[in-house]
Amino acid sequence: MTAHETPHAPAFAQITRPEDATGAVRRDLGECWAAVINAGGAVIPMGCPLPPVSPEAVDPALDAIVQRLAPRRGRLLLATVEGTLAGWVLLSREPHPLEAHCGTVNHLQTHVRFRRRGVGAALMRRLPDIARDEMGMERLRLTARAGLGLEDFYGRVGWTEVGRWPGALRVAPGDDRDEILMSLAL
């Protein structure tokens, strides 16, 4: 077995409506998100303090995501391994009519206990099918923080870098990073 294989392939589930995000699901999402932030992940939501954070610190951002879920507008894709949340990602349709054929991918996260087992790649390989076949999208986009190798990861799962905004992200004083724009035709 290589470092990128899981002993058990992840199972996928979708949350498409706010009422489907049970208390247990929200708890698992919040615990995953806090663990990712605390491990240095690039998914700190607006209004959230800098690490270390508790799962409760991401609750407002998580609540906002859940409230916007709708089958044609936004979905959470969850990956579980042996019944445990291993990772998740958000897929949203662009609201403007000129961009309604496009979707945006946000918050790709693999719980730190499942890192380097292919969970993130599995989520990103499953996502285009959902976007195309279930939501009628034709193109996806995402942004990534430079300096973490994320553009290489996304490139390996089929995405193309289409631009950069130099110095757009200030991680710390004196540590400005490019924001990388990536695209995937479906």
C-alpha atoms as a PDB file:
ATOM      1  CA  MET A   1       0.000   0.000   0.000  1.00  0.00           C
ATOM      2  CA  THR A   2       1.343   3.473  -0.884  1.00  0.00           C
ATOM      3  CA  ALA A   3       1.078   6.580   1.287  1.00  0.00           C
ATOM      4  CA  HIS A   4      -1.817   7.828  -0.872  1.00  0.00           C
ATOM      5  CA  GLU A   5      -4.045   4.761  -0.555  1.00  0.00           C
ATOM      6  CA  THR A   6      -6.635   4.167   2.102  1.00  0.00           C
ATOM      7  CA  PRO A   7      -7.103   0.739   3.566  1.00  0.00           C
ATOM      8  CA  HIS A   8     -10.803   1.314   2.877  1.00  0.00           C
ATOM      9  CA  ALA A   9     -12.019   3.559   0.067  1.00  0.00           C
ATOM     10  CA  PRO A  10     -14.122   6.473   1.272  1.00  0.00           C
ATOM     11  CA  ALA A  11     -17.880   6.349   1.002  1.00  0.00           C
ATOM     12  CA  PHE A  12     -19.594   9.517  -0.181  1.00  0.00           C
ATOM     13  CA  ALA A  13     -22.740  11.257   1.001  1.00  0.00           C
ATOM     14  CA  GLN A  14     -24.289  14.566   0.050  1.00  0.00           C
ATOM     15  CA  ILE A  15     -26.033  17.140   2.173  1.00  0.00           C
ATOM     16  CA  THR A  16     -28.333  19.148  -0.099  1.00  0.00           C
ATOM     17  CA  ARG A  17     -30.747  20.823   2.323  1.00  0.00           C
ATOM     18  CA  PRO A  18     -30.289  22.537   5.694  1.00  0.00           C
ATOM     19  CA  GLU A  19     -32.561  20.052   7.435  1.00  0.00           C
ATOM     20  CA  ASP A  20     -30.310  17.185   6.300  1.00  0.00           C
ATOM     21  CA  ALA A  21     -27.391  18.563   8.322  1.00  0.00           C
ATOM     22  CA  THR A  22     -28.211  16.866  11.608  1.00  0.00           C
ATOM     23  CA  GLY A  23     -26.595  17.849  14.858  1.00  0.00           C
ATOM     24  CA  ALA A  24     -24.200  14.913  14.566  1.00  0.00           C
ATOM     25  CA  VAL A  25     -23.202  15.916  11.021  1.00  0.00           C
ATOM     26  CA  ARG A  26     -22.646  19.528  12.089  1.00  0.00           C
ATOM     27  CA  ARG A  27     -20.571  18.389  15.058  1.00  0.00           C
ATOM     28  CA  ASP A  28     -18.395  16.209  12.811  1.00  0.00           C
ATOM     29  CA  LEU A  29     -17.976  19.010  10.255  1.00  0.00           C
ATOM     30  CA  GLY A  30     -17.008  21.501  12.972  1.00  0.00           C
ATOM     31  CA  GLU A  31     -14.529  19.102  14.568  1.00  0.00           C
ATOM     32  CA  CYS A  32     -12.944  18.409  11.182  1.00  0.00           C
ATOM     33  CA  TRP A  33     -12.763  22.114  10.313  1.00  0.00           C
ATOM     34  CA  ALA A  34     -11.178  23.063  13.648  1.00  0.00           C
ATOM     35  CA  ALA A  35      -8.636  20.235  13.368  1.00  0.00           C
ATOM     36  CA  VAL A  36      -7.693  21.359   9.845  1.00  0.00           C
ATOM     37  CA  ILE A  37      -7.292  24.997  10.926  1.00  0.00           C
ATOM     38  CA  ASN A  38      -5.222  23.995  13.950  1.00  0.00           C
ATOM     39  CA  ALA A  39      -2.951  21.900  11.708  1.00  0.00           C
ATOM     40  CA  GLY A  40      -2.211  24.965   9.527  1.00  0.00           C
ATOM     41  CA  GLY A  41      -4.883  24.460   6.857  1.00  0.00           C
ATOM     42  CA  ALA A  42      -5.832  27.313   4.569  1.00  0.00           C
ATOM     43  CA  VAL A  43      -9.559  27.228   5.361  1.00  0.00           C
ATOM     44  CA  ILE A  44      -9.988  29.847   8.096  1.00  0.00           C
ATOM     45  CA  PRO A  45     -13.492  31.365   7.756  1.00  0.00           C
ATOM     46  CA  MET A  46     -14.232  35.054   8.055  1.00  0.00           C
ATOM     47  CA  GLY A  47     -14.733  36.095  11.666  1.00  0.00           C
ATOM     48  CA  CYS A  48     -12.938  33.052  13.041  1.00  0.00           C
ATOM     49  CA  PRO A  49      -9.999  33.680  15.355  1.00  0.00           C
ATOM     50  CA  LEU A  50      -6.540  32.522  14.400  1.00  0.00           C
ATOM     51  CA  PRO A  51      -5.466  29.087  15.655  1.00  0.00           C
ATOM     52  CA  PRO A  52      -5.855  27.394  17.956  1.00  0.00           C
ATOM     53  CA  VAL A  53      -9.640  27.249  17.520  1.00  0.00           C
ATOM     54  CA  SER A  54     -12.380  25.108  18.984  1.00  0.00           C
ATOM     55  CA  PRO A  55     -15.092  23.491  16.856  1.00  0.00           C
ATOM     56  CA  GLU A  56     -17.513  26.085  18.260  1.00  0.00           C
ATOM     57  CA  ALA A  57     -15.414  28.873  16.710  1.00  0.00           C
ATOM     58  CA  VAL A  58     -16.351  27.693  13.205  1.00  0.00           C
ATOM     59  CA  ASP A  59     -20.048  27.224  14.024  1.00  0.00           C
ATOM     60  CA  PRO A  60     -21.165  30.612  12.598  1.00  0.00           C
ATOM     61  CA  ALA A  61     -19.417  29.945   9.275  1.00  0.00           C
ATOM     62  CA  LEU A  62     -20.706  26.387   9.185  1.00  0.00           C
ATOM     63  CA  ASP A  63     -24.249  27.565   9.931  1.00  0.00           C
ATOM     64  CA  ALA A  64     -24.039  30.067   7.053  1.00  0.00           C
ATOM     65  CA  ILE A  65     -22.911  27.311   4.662  1.00  0.00           C
ATOM     66  CA  VAL A  66     -25.670  24.944   5.772  1.00  0.00           C
ATOM     67  CA  GLN A  67     -28.381  27.606   5.434  1.00  0.00           C
ATOM     68  CA  ARG A  68     -27.436  28.160   1.760  1.00  0.00           C
ATOM     69  CA  LEU A  69     -27.726  24.489   0.804  1.00  0.00           C
ATOM     70  CA  ALA A  70     -30.274  23.580  -1.876  1.00  0.00           C
ATOM     71  CA  PRO A  71     -30.176  20.760  -4.451  1.00  0.00           C
ATOM     72  CA  ARG A  72     -29.582  23.043  -7.472  1.00  0.00           C
ATOM     73  CA  ARG A  73     -27.642  25.762  -5.616  1.00  0.00           C
ATOM     74  CA  GLY A  74     -25.245  24.267  -3.076  1.00  0.00           C
ATOM     75  CA  ARG A  75     -24.168  20.917  -1.678  1.00  0.00           C
ATOM     76  CA  LEU A  76     -21.765  19.476   0.811  1.00  0.00           C
ATOM     77  CA  LEU A  77     -19.987  16.332  -0.294  1.00  0.00           C
ATOM     78  CA  LEU A  78     -18.818  14.224   2.638  1.00  0.00           C
ATOM     79  CA  ALA A  79     -16.277  11.405   2.585  1.00  0.00           C
ATOM     80  CA  THR A  80     -16.397   8.842   5.353  1.00  0.00           C
ATOM     81  CA  VAL A  81     -14.092   5.952   6.129  1.00  0.00           C
ATOM     82  CA  GLU A  82     -15.619   3.184   8.233  1.00  0.00           C
ATOM     83  CA  GLY A  83     -18.387   5.569   9.328  1.00  0.00           C
ATOM     84  CA  THR A  84     -16.059   8.401  10.409  1.00  0.00           C
ATOM     85  CA  LEU A  85     -15.997  11.766   8.635  1.00  0.00           C
ATOM     86  CA  ALA A  86     -12.679  11.848   6.781  1.00  0.00           C
ATOM     87  CA  GLY A  87     -13.220  14.987   4.700  1.00  0.00           C
ATOM     88  CA  TRP A  88     -15.666  17.313   3.023  1.00  0.00           C
ATOM     89  CA  VAL A  89     -16.013  19.962   0.346  1.00  0.00           C
ATOM     90  CA  LEU A  90     -18.608  22.576  -0.636  1.00  0.00           C
ATOM     91  CA  LEU A  91     -19.944  22.960  -4.187  1.00  0.00           C
ATOM     92  CA  SER A  92     -21.992  26.092  -4.987  1.00  0.00           C
ATOM     93  CA  ARG A  93     -23.642  27.347  -8.172  1.00  0.00           C
ATOM     94  CA  GLU A  94     -22.809  30.910  -9.153  1.00  0.00           C
ATOM     95  CA  PRO A  95     -25.953  33.010  -8.591  1.00  0.00           C
ATOM     96  CA  HIS A  96     -25.537  35.500 -11.454  1.00  0.00           C
ATOM     97  CA  PRO A  97     -27.335  34.450 -14.677  1.00  0.00           C
ATOM     98  CA  LEU A  98     -24.176  35.008 -16.743  1.00  0.00           C
ATOM     99  CA  GLU A  99     -22.328  32.493 -14.557  1.00  0.00           C
ATOM    100  CA  ALA A 100     -25.114  30.044 -13.683  1.00  0.00           C
ATOM    101  CA  HIS A 101     -23.440  27.304 -15.740  1.00  0.00           C
ATOM    102  CA  CYS A 102     -20.425  27.522 -13.409  1.00  0.00           C
ATOM    103  CA  GLY A 103     -19.788  26.331  -9.895  1.00  0.00           C
ATOM    104  CA  THR A 104     -17.366  27.254  -7.161  1.00  0.00           C
ATOM    105  CA  VAL A 105     -15.559  24.761  -4.957  1.00  0.00           C
ATOM    106  CA  ASN A 106     -14.703  25.845  -1.408  1.00  0.00           C
ATOM    107  CA  HIS A 107     -13.452  24.430   1.858  1.00  0.00           C
ATOM    108  CA  LEU A 108     -11.898  21.174   0.695  1.00  0.00           C
ATOM    109  CA  GLN A 109     -10.813  19.563   3.943  1.00  0.00           C
ATOM    110  CA  THR A 110      -9.357  16.236   4.945  1.00  0.00           C
ATOM    111  CA  HIS A 111      -9.410  15.529   8.662  1.00  0.00           C
ATOM    112  CA  VAL A 112      -5.847  15.368   9.953  1.00  0.00           C
ATOM    113  CA  ARG A 113      -6.356  11.721  11.006  1.00  0.00           C
ATOM    114  CA  PHE A 114      -6.963  10.834   7.332  1.00  0.00           C
ATOM    115  CA  ARG A 115      -4.281  12.927   5.628  1.00  0.00           C
ATOM    116  CA  ARG A 116      -2.148  11.339   2.914  1.00  0.00           C
ATOM    117  CA  ARG A 117      -4.669   8.571   2.332  1.00  0.00           C
ATOM    118  CA  GLY A 118      -6.231   9.956  -0.852  1.00  0.00           C
ATOM    119  CA  VAL A 119      -9.417  11.301   0.740  1.00  0.00           C
ATOM    120  CA  GLY A 120      -9.019  14.839  -0.667  1.00  0.00           C
ATOM    121  CA  ALA A 121      -8.238  13.489  -4.123  1.00  0.00           C
ATOM    122  CA  ALA A 122     -11.221  11.139  -3.934  1.00  0.00           C
ATOM    123  CA  LEU A 123     -13.510  14.062  -3.058  1.00  0.00           C
ATOM    124  CA  MET A 124     -12.124  16.141  -5.935  1.00  0.00           C
ATOM    125  CA  ARG A 125     -12.548  13.255  -8.390  1.00  0.00           C
ATOM    126  CA  ARG A 126     -16.170  12.659  -7.329  1.00  0.00           C
ATOM    127  CA  LEU A 127     -17.147  16.346  -7.344  1.00  0.00           C
ATOM    128  CA  PRO A 128     -17.144  16.920 -11.153  1.00  0.00           C
ATOM    129  CA  ASP A 129     -19.667  14.111 -11.702  1.00  0.00           C
ATOM    130  CA  ILE A 130     -22.036  15.658  -9.177  1.00  0.00           C
ATOM    131  CA  ALA A 131     -21.584  19.143 -10.641  1.00  0.00           C
ATOM    132  CA  ARG A 132     -22.174  17.973 -14.209  1.00  0.00           C
ATOM    133  CA  ASP A 133     -24.685  15.150 -13.827  1.00  0.00           C
ATOM    134  CA  GLU A 134     -26.750  16.298 -10.860  1.00  0.00           C
ATOM    135  CA  MET A 135     -26.474  20.089 -10.996  1.00  0.00           C
ATOM    136  CA  GLY A 136     -26.039  20.717 -14.748  1.00  0.00           C
ATOM    137  CA  MET A 137     -22.823  22.703 -14.435  1.00  0.00           C
ATOM    138  CA  GLU A 138     -20.265  22.999 -17.213  1.00  0.00           C
ATOM    139  CA  ARG A 139     -17.248  24.480 -15.421  1.00  0.00           C
ATOM    140  CA  LEU A 140     -15.865  24.689 -11.907  1.00  0.00           C
ATOM    141  CA  ARG A 141     -13.512  27.151 -10.255  1.00  0.00           C
ATOM    142  CA  LEU A 142     -11.641  27.421  -7.034  1.00  0.00           C
ATOM    143  CA  THR A 143      -8.970  29.559  -5.451  1.00  0.00           C
ATOM    144  CA  ALA A 144      -6.001  28.289  -3.486  1.00  0.00           C
ATOM    145  CA  ARG A 145      -3.308  29.858  -1.327  1.00  0.00           C
ATOM    146  CA  ALA A 146       0.179  29.767  -2.828  1.00  0.00           C
ATOM    147  CA  GLY A 147       3.056  28.382  -0.817  1.00  0.00           C
ATOM    148  CA  LEU A 148       1.361  25.155   0.245  1.00  0.00           C
ATOM    149  CA  GLY A 149       1.680  23.113  -2.954  1.00  0.00           C
ATOM    150  CA  LEU A 150      -2.073  23.178  -3.453  1.00  0.00           C
ATOM    151  CA  GLU A 151      -1.791  24.024  -7.142  1.00  0.00           C
ATOM    152  CA  ASP A 152       0.188  20.804  -7.632  1.00  0.00           C
ATOM    153  CA  PHE A 153      -2.432  18.778  -5.768  1.00  0.00           C
ATOM    154  CA  TYR A 154      -5.295  20.249  -7.808  1.00  0.00           C
ATOM    155  CA  GLY A 155      -3.314  19.799 -11.018  1.00  0.00           C
ATOM    156  CA  ARG A 156      -2.950  16.086 -10.275  1.00  0.00           C
ATOM    157  CA  VAL A 157      -6.741  15.748 -10.093  1.00  0.00           C
ATOM    158  CA  GLY A 158      -7.331  17.538 -13.409  1.00  0.00           C
ATOM    159  CA  TRP A 159      -7.528  21.240 -12.581  1.00  0.00           C
ATOM    160  CA  THR A 160      -5.698  23.955 -14.522  1.00  0.00           C
ATOM    161  CA  GLU A 161      -4.178  27.109 -13.089  1.00  0.00           C
ATOM    162  CA  VAL A 162      -5.635  30.040 -15.023  1.00  0.00           C
ATOM    163  CA  GLY A 163      -4.295  33.012 -13.065  1.00  0.00           C
ATOM    164  CA  ARG A 164      -2.826  34.519  -9.918  1.00  0.00           C
ATOM    165  CA  TRP A 165      -3.473  37.567  -7.836  1.00  0.00           C
ATOM    166  CA  PRO A 166       0.027  38.386  -6.547  1.00  0.00           C
ATOM    167  CA  GLY A 167       0.263  39.085  -2.834  1.00  0.00           C
ATOM    168  CA  ALA A 168      -3.516  38.979  -2.323  1.00  0.00           C
ATOM    169  CA  LEU A 169      -3.388  36.920   0.863  1.00  0.00           C
ATOM    170  CA  ARG A 170      -1.599  38.182   3.970  1.00  0.00           C
ATOM    171  CA  VAL A 171      -0.959  35.172   6.166  1.00  0.00           C
ATOM    172  CA  ALA A 172       1.149  37.199   8.623  1.00  0.00           C
ATOM    173  CA  PRO A 173       3.054  40.495   8.542  1.00  0.00           C
ATOM    174  CA  GLY A 174       5.680  40.102   5.829  1.00  0.00           C
ATOM    175  CA  ASP A 175       4.130  36.847   4.553  1.00  0.00           C
ATOM    176  CA  ASP A 176       1.985  37.753   1.560  1.00  0.00           C
ATOM    177  CA  ARG A 177       0.937  34.915  -0.737  1.00  0.00           C
ATOM    178  CA  ASP A 178      -0.543  34.750  -4.209  1.00  0.00           C
ATOM    179  CA  GLU A 179      -4.139  33.691  -4.592  1.00  0.00           C
ATOM    180  CA  ILE A 180      -4.248  31.056  -7.346  1.00  0.00           C
ATOM    181  CA  LEU A 181      -7.289  30.752  -9.599  1.00  0.00           C
ATOM    182  CA  MET A 182      -7.940  27.264 -10.946  1.00  0.00           C
ATOM    183  CA  SER A 183     -10.522  25.943 -13.404  1.00  0.00           C
ATOM    184  CA  LEU A 184     -11.960  22.611 -14.473  1.00  0.00           C
ATOM    185  CA  ALA A 185     -14.094  22.117 -17.606  1.00  0.00           C
ATOM    186  CA  LEU A 186     -16.693  19.387 -17.086  1.00  0.00           C
END
